[in-house]
Amino acid sequence: MSPVLAGTIASFLAGILTSVGGLFLLFGFRFGNASMPVFLGFSGGIMFAASIFSLLIPAISSGYIILVLLCFIFGAALVDVLDSVLPHEHLVKGLEGPPSRLRLVSLLLITMTIHNFPEGMAVGVSFAKGITPAALSLTIAIGLQNIPEGAAVAFPLHSMGMNKWKAILIAFLTGVVEPVAGFIGVSLGVAFSRLLPYIMAFAAGAMVYVVSDEMIPESHALGKEKVATFSFLIGFIIMVLFDNLL
């Protein structure tokens, strides 16, 4: 299998797992202020560990460290720009960016696009050298953290009166951007193999920005800081285990 096809398929599989989180609606699970810090903290821990161990450290080991770190900062800066110019809705913090008349669902989709694009790109980039244990580890980790992310979208929408199946569909749509980003990431990595460490660093910076600017503040905003922190640590540990076992 070609690296481009493998990276695209892997990012698609990781992305559609957002719908699995939404499917919990069908089994009577409840999602509220008590569980949101757990889900967001857990997802943030996985993303942070994946950014460092699966992307940034390999990038540093195979590239020029100054250029790697500059690309890392550039990845974060680009997400920051998008965060500032695109109107989007956070489940806890509410509307960010310029004023908008878009509906809540549209704003949430924009939010998750900003959020999930770096994830998909990271999965795709990891397959630029073929199907490796590190690439599989990153795919599993991103897919795993997409499950609570999907629940964090579908459950609040349903609690606001949205039909269960429509809420599940919205959760699924939030992951659709990941195979697109995965295709872009792996294509760039294959076409410009000498730039692979810097593309990996870029993806790592974008993911770390999302964790620091959105996931950690959101997980702490409901007064459950310790719960969110230990959930973050559990997610971090799980990703480290995946990285070493595979």
Protein backbone atom coordinates (compact mmCIF):
# COMPACT_ATOMS: atom_id res chain seq x y z
CA MET A 1 0.00 0.00 0.00
CA SER A 2 1.33 3.44 -0.90
CA PRO A 3 2.11 5.82 1.97
CA VAL A 4 -0.42 8.36 0.63
CA LEU A 5 -3.23 5.82 0.59
CA ALA A 6 -2.25 4.41 4.00
CA GLY A 7 -2.10 7.88 5.57
CA THR A 8 -5.44 8.90 4.09
CA ILE A 9 -7.19 5.71 5.22
CA ALA A 10 -5.67 5.93 8.70
CA SER A 11 -6.76 9.55 9.17
CA PHE A 12 -10.25 8.63 7.90
CA LEU A 13 -10.56 5.77 10.40
CA ALA A 14 -9.35 8.01 13.23
CA GLY A 15 -11.71 10.78 12.17
CA ILE A 16 -14.91 8.74 11.97
CA LEU A 17 -14.46 7.59 15.56
CA THR A 18 -16.00 10.92 16.56
CA SER A 19 -19.31 9.32 15.56
CA VAL A 20 -18.70 6.48 18.04
CA GLY A 21 -18.78 9.04 20.86
CA GLY A 22 -22.10 10.30 19.51
CA LEU A 23 -23.53 6.76 19.39
CA PHE A 24 -23.41 6.62 23.18
CA LEU A 25 -26.61 8.67 22.98
CA LEU A 26 -28.46 5.57 21.80
CA PHE A 27 -27.57 3.63 24.94
CA GLY A 28 -28.85 6.11 27.50
CA PHE A 29 -25.47 7.50 28.55
CA ARG A 30 -25.54 10.99 30.00
CA PHE A 31 -23.02 13.70 29.44
CA GLY A 32 -22.92 16.84 31.53
CA ASN A 33 -20.77 19.24 33.47
CA ALA A 34 -19.38 16.40 35.59
CA SER A 35 -18.14 14.30 32.67
CA MET A 36 -17.00 17.03 30.28
CA PRO A 37 -13.77 17.78 32.25
CA VAL A 38 -12.97 14.05 32.18
CA PHE A 39 -13.44 13.75 28.43
CA LEU A 40 -11.65 16.97 27.54
CA GLY A 41 -8.77 16.32 29.93
CA PHE A 42 -8.31 12.76 28.68
CA SER A 43 -8.32 13.88 25.04
CA GLY A 44 -5.90 16.70 25.80
CA GLY A 45 -3.44 14.35 27.49
CA ILE A 46 -3.39 12.01 24.50
CA MET A 47 -2.95 14.88 22.03
CA PHE A 48 -0.14 16.46 24.02
CA ALA A 49 1.81 13.21 24.38
CA ALA A 50 1.29 12.38 20.70
CA SER A 51 2.55 15.82 19.70
CA ILE A 52 5.74 15.48 21.71
CA PHE A 53 6.69 11.80 21.41
CA SER A 54 5.32 10.92 17.97
CA LEU A 55 6.01 14.18 16.14
CA LEU A 56 8.30 16.73 17.81
CA ILE A 57 11.01 14.43 19.19
CA PRO A 58 11.34 12.43 15.92
CA ALA A 59 11.45 15.75 14.03
CA ILE A 60 14.26 17.03 16.24
CA SER A 61 16.22 13.79 15.84
CA SER A 62 16.17 13.97 12.03
CA GLY A 63 16.21 17.72 11.32
CA TYR A 64 17.95 20.94 12.28
CA ILE A 65 16.68 21.79 15.74
CA ILE A 66 16.33 25.56 15.16
CA LEU A 67 14.29 25.03 11.99
CA VAL A 68 12.24 22.33 13.70
CA LEU A 69 11.37 24.64 16.58
CA LEU A 70 10.57 27.51 14.22
CA CYS A 71 8.15 25.25 12.33
CA PHE A 72 6.70 24.15 15.67
CA ILE A 73 5.97 27.79 16.55
CA PHE A 74 4.67 28.48 13.06
CA GLY A 75 2.16 25.63 13.37
CA ALA A 76 0.86 27.11 16.61
CA ALA A 77 0.81 30.63 15.15
CA LEU A 78 -1.25 29.56 12.14
CA VAL A 79 -3.92 27.98 14.34
CA ASP A 80 -3.91 31.13 16.45
CA VAL A 81 -4.60 33.23 13.34
CA LEU A 82 -7.46 30.94 12.30
CA ASP A 83 -8.77 31.07 15.85
CA SER A 84 -8.85 34.88 15.66
CA VAL A 85 -10.36 35.40 12.19
CA LEU A 86 -12.96 32.59 12.08
CA PRO A 87 -16.10 32.82 14.23
CA HIS A 88 -16.51 29.61 16.23
CA GLU A 89 -18.34 28.31 19.28
CA HIS A 90 -16.88 26.56 22.31
CA LEU A 91 -19.14 24.43 24.45
CA VAL A 92 -18.01 26.16 27.65
CA LYS A 93 -16.40 29.48 26.67
CA GLY A 94 -19.02 30.27 24.03
CA LEU A 95 -18.49 32.38 20.91
CA GLU A 96 -14.96 33.39 19.90
CA GLY A 97 -13.62 35.30 16.93
CA PRO A 98 -15.51 38.03 15.08
CA PRO A 99 -19.28 38.45 15.57
CA SER A 100 -21.36 36.07 13.48
CA ARG A 101 -24.97 35.30 12.61
CA LEU A 102 -24.20 31.67 11.86
CA ARG A 103 -26.21 29.02 13.70
CA LEU A 104 -24.73 27.16 16.66
CA VAL A 105 -24.19 23.96 14.66
CA SER A 106 -22.23 25.82 11.96
CA LEU A 107 -20.08 27.52 14.60
CA LEU A 108 -19.38 24.19 16.31
CA LEU A 109 -18.36 22.65 12.99
CA ILE A 110 -15.93 25.52 12.41
CA THR A 111 -14.52 24.99 15.90
CA MET A 112 -13.97 21.28 15.34
CA THR A 113 -12.48 21.91 11.89
CA ILE A 114 -9.86 24.19 13.48
CA HIS A 115 -9.36 21.55 16.15
CA ASN A 116 -9.30 18.39 14.02
CA PHE A 117 -7.29 19.59 11.03
CA PRO A 118 -3.97 19.37 12.94
CA GLU A 119 -4.93 15.90 14.19
CA GLY A 120 -5.63 14.60 10.70
CA MET A 121 -2.46 16.19 9.34
CA ALA A 122 -0.42 14.61 12.13
CA VAL A 123 -1.77 11.14 11.35
CA GLY A 124 -1.14 11.62 7.63
CA VAL A 125 2.41 12.92 8.09
CA SER A 126 3.28 9.96 10.30
CA PHE A 127 2.69 7.62 7.32
CA ALA A 128 5.02 9.48 4.95
CA LYS A 129 7.72 6.84 5.57
CA GLY A 130 5.25 3.97 5.29
CA ILE A 131 3.25 1.92 7.78
CA THR A 132 5.44 2.06 10.88
CA PRO A 133 4.74 1.26 14.55
CA ALA A 134 4.94 4.98 15.35
CA ALA A 135 2.35 5.79 12.68
CA LEU A 136 -0.01 3.08 13.95
CA SER A 137 0.46 4.26 17.53
CA LEU A 138 -0.42 7.83 16.61
CA THR A 139 -3.47 6.71 14.62
CA ILE A 140 -4.80 4.62 17.50
CA ALA A 141 -4.21 7.43 19.97
CA ILE A 142 -5.89 10.12 17.86
CA GLY A 143 -8.79 7.78 17.12
CA LEU A 144 -9.16 6.95 20.80
CA GLN A 145 -9.32 10.59 21.85
CA ASN A 146 -11.81 11.33 19.06
CA ILE A 147 -14.41 9.16 20.82
CA PRO A 148 -14.84 11.48 23.84
CA GLU A 149 -14.54 14.46 21.49
CA GLY A 150 -17.53 13.19 19.53
CA ALA A 151 -19.49 12.71 22.74
CA ALA A 152 -18.54 16.24 23.81
CA VAL A 153 -20.26 17.51 20.65
CA ALA A 154 -23.29 15.20 20.36
CA PHE A 155 -24.47 15.16 23.98
CA PRO A 156 -24.73 18.94 24.50
CA LEU A 157 -26.50 19.32 21.13
CA HIS A 158 -29.01 16.65 22.14
CA SER A 159 -29.53 18.29 25.53
CA MET A 160 -30.44 21.51 23.67
CA GLY A 161 -33.28 19.66 21.94
CA MET A 162 -31.62 18.28 18.81
CA ASN A 163 -32.72 14.87 17.52
CA LYS A 164 -30.34 12.03 18.56
CA TRP A 165 -29.49 10.99 15.01
CA LYS A 166 -28.86 14.56 13.92
CA ALA A 167 -26.54 15.08 16.90
CA ILE A 168 -24.69 11.87 15.95
CA LEU A 169 -24.43 13.10 12.35
CA ILE A 170 -22.92 16.40 13.55
CA ALA A 171 -20.39 14.44 15.65
CA PHE A 172 -19.50 12.43 12.54
CA LEU A 173 -19.12 15.56 10.42
CA THR A 174 -16.63 17.04 12.90
CA GLY A 175 -14.26 14.20 12.01
CA VAL A 176 -14.65 14.46 8.22
CA VAL A 177 -11.91 17.09 7.99
CA GLU A 178 -9.31 14.62 9.31
CA PRO A 179 -8.91 12.48 6.14
CA VAL A 180 -8.66 15.68 4.08
CA ALA A 181 -5.92 16.96 6.38
CA GLY A 182 -4.34 13.50 6.45
CA PHE A 183 -4.13 13.39 2.68
CA ILE A 184 -2.50 16.83 2.60
CA GLY A 185 -0.03 15.90 5.35
CA VAL A 186 1.11 12.58 3.89
CA SER A 187 1.26 13.99 0.35
CA LEU A 188 3.52 16.82 1.47
CA GLY A 189 5.68 14.40 3.46
CA VAL A 190 6.11 12.06 0.48
CA ALA A 191 6.59 14.79 -2.14
CA PHE A 192 9.06 16.77 -0.03
CA SER A 193 10.73 14.04 2.01
CA ARG A 194 13.59 16.31 3.08
CA LEU A 195 11.04 18.63 4.67
CA LEU A 196 9.33 15.82 6.61
CA PRO A 197 10.84 16.75 10.03
CA TYR A 198 9.60 20.31 9.60
CA ILE A 199 6.11 19.25 8.50
CA MET A 200 5.95 16.99 11.55
CA ALA A 201 7.03 19.88 13.80
CA PHE A 202 4.39 22.12 12.21
CA ALA A 203 1.66 19.55 12.96
CA ALA A 204 2.98 19.14 16.52
CA GLY A 205 2.88 22.89 17.15
CA ALA A 206 -0.68 23.14 15.85
CA MET A 207 -1.82 20.30 18.14
CA VAL A 208 -0.06 21.67 21.21
CA TYR A 209 -1.70 25.05 20.60
CA VAL A 210 -5.16 23.42 20.50
CA VAL A 211 -4.45 21.55 23.74
CA SER A 212 -3.13 24.61 25.58
CA ASP A 213 -5.50 27.25 24.22
CA GLU A 214 -8.73 25.26 24.07
CA MET A 215 -8.82 21.84 25.70
CA ILE A 216 -7.14 22.59 29.02
CA PRO A 217 -9.02 25.89 29.64
CA GLU A 218 -12.33 24.26 28.62
CA SER A 219 -11.73 21.27 30.90
CA HIS A 220 -10.97 23.60 33.84
CA ALA A 221 -13.81 26.04 33.24
CA LEU A 222 -16.46 24.06 35.12
CA GLY A 223 -14.76 23.97 38.51
CA LYS A 224 -13.40 20.42 38.16
CA GLU A 225 -9.71 21.30 37.78
CA LYS A 226 -8.32 18.27 39.64
CA VAL A 227 -10.57 15.84 37.78
CA ALA A 228 -9.52 17.40 34.48
CA THR A 229 -5.84 17.33 35.45
CA PHE A 230 -5.81 13.65 36.41
CA SER A 231 -7.80 12.80 33.28
CA PHE A 232 -5.14 14.63 31.29
CA LEU A 233 -2.43 12.59 33.01
CA ILE A 234 -4.26 9.31 32.29
CA GLY A 235 -4.56 10.24 28.62
CA PHE A 236 -0.87 11.16 28.56
CA ILE A 237 0.12 7.82 30.13
CA ILE A 238 -2.04 5.83 27.70
CA MET A 239 -0.39 7.53 24.72
CA VAL A 240 3.11 6.87 26.14
CA LEU A 241 2.20 3.19 26.59
CA PHE A 242 0.89 2.95 23.02
CA ASP A 243 4.06 4.62 21.75
CA ASN A 244 6.29 2.14 23.55
CA LEU A 245 4.26 -1.05 23.12
CA LEU A 246 3.97 -0.58 19.36
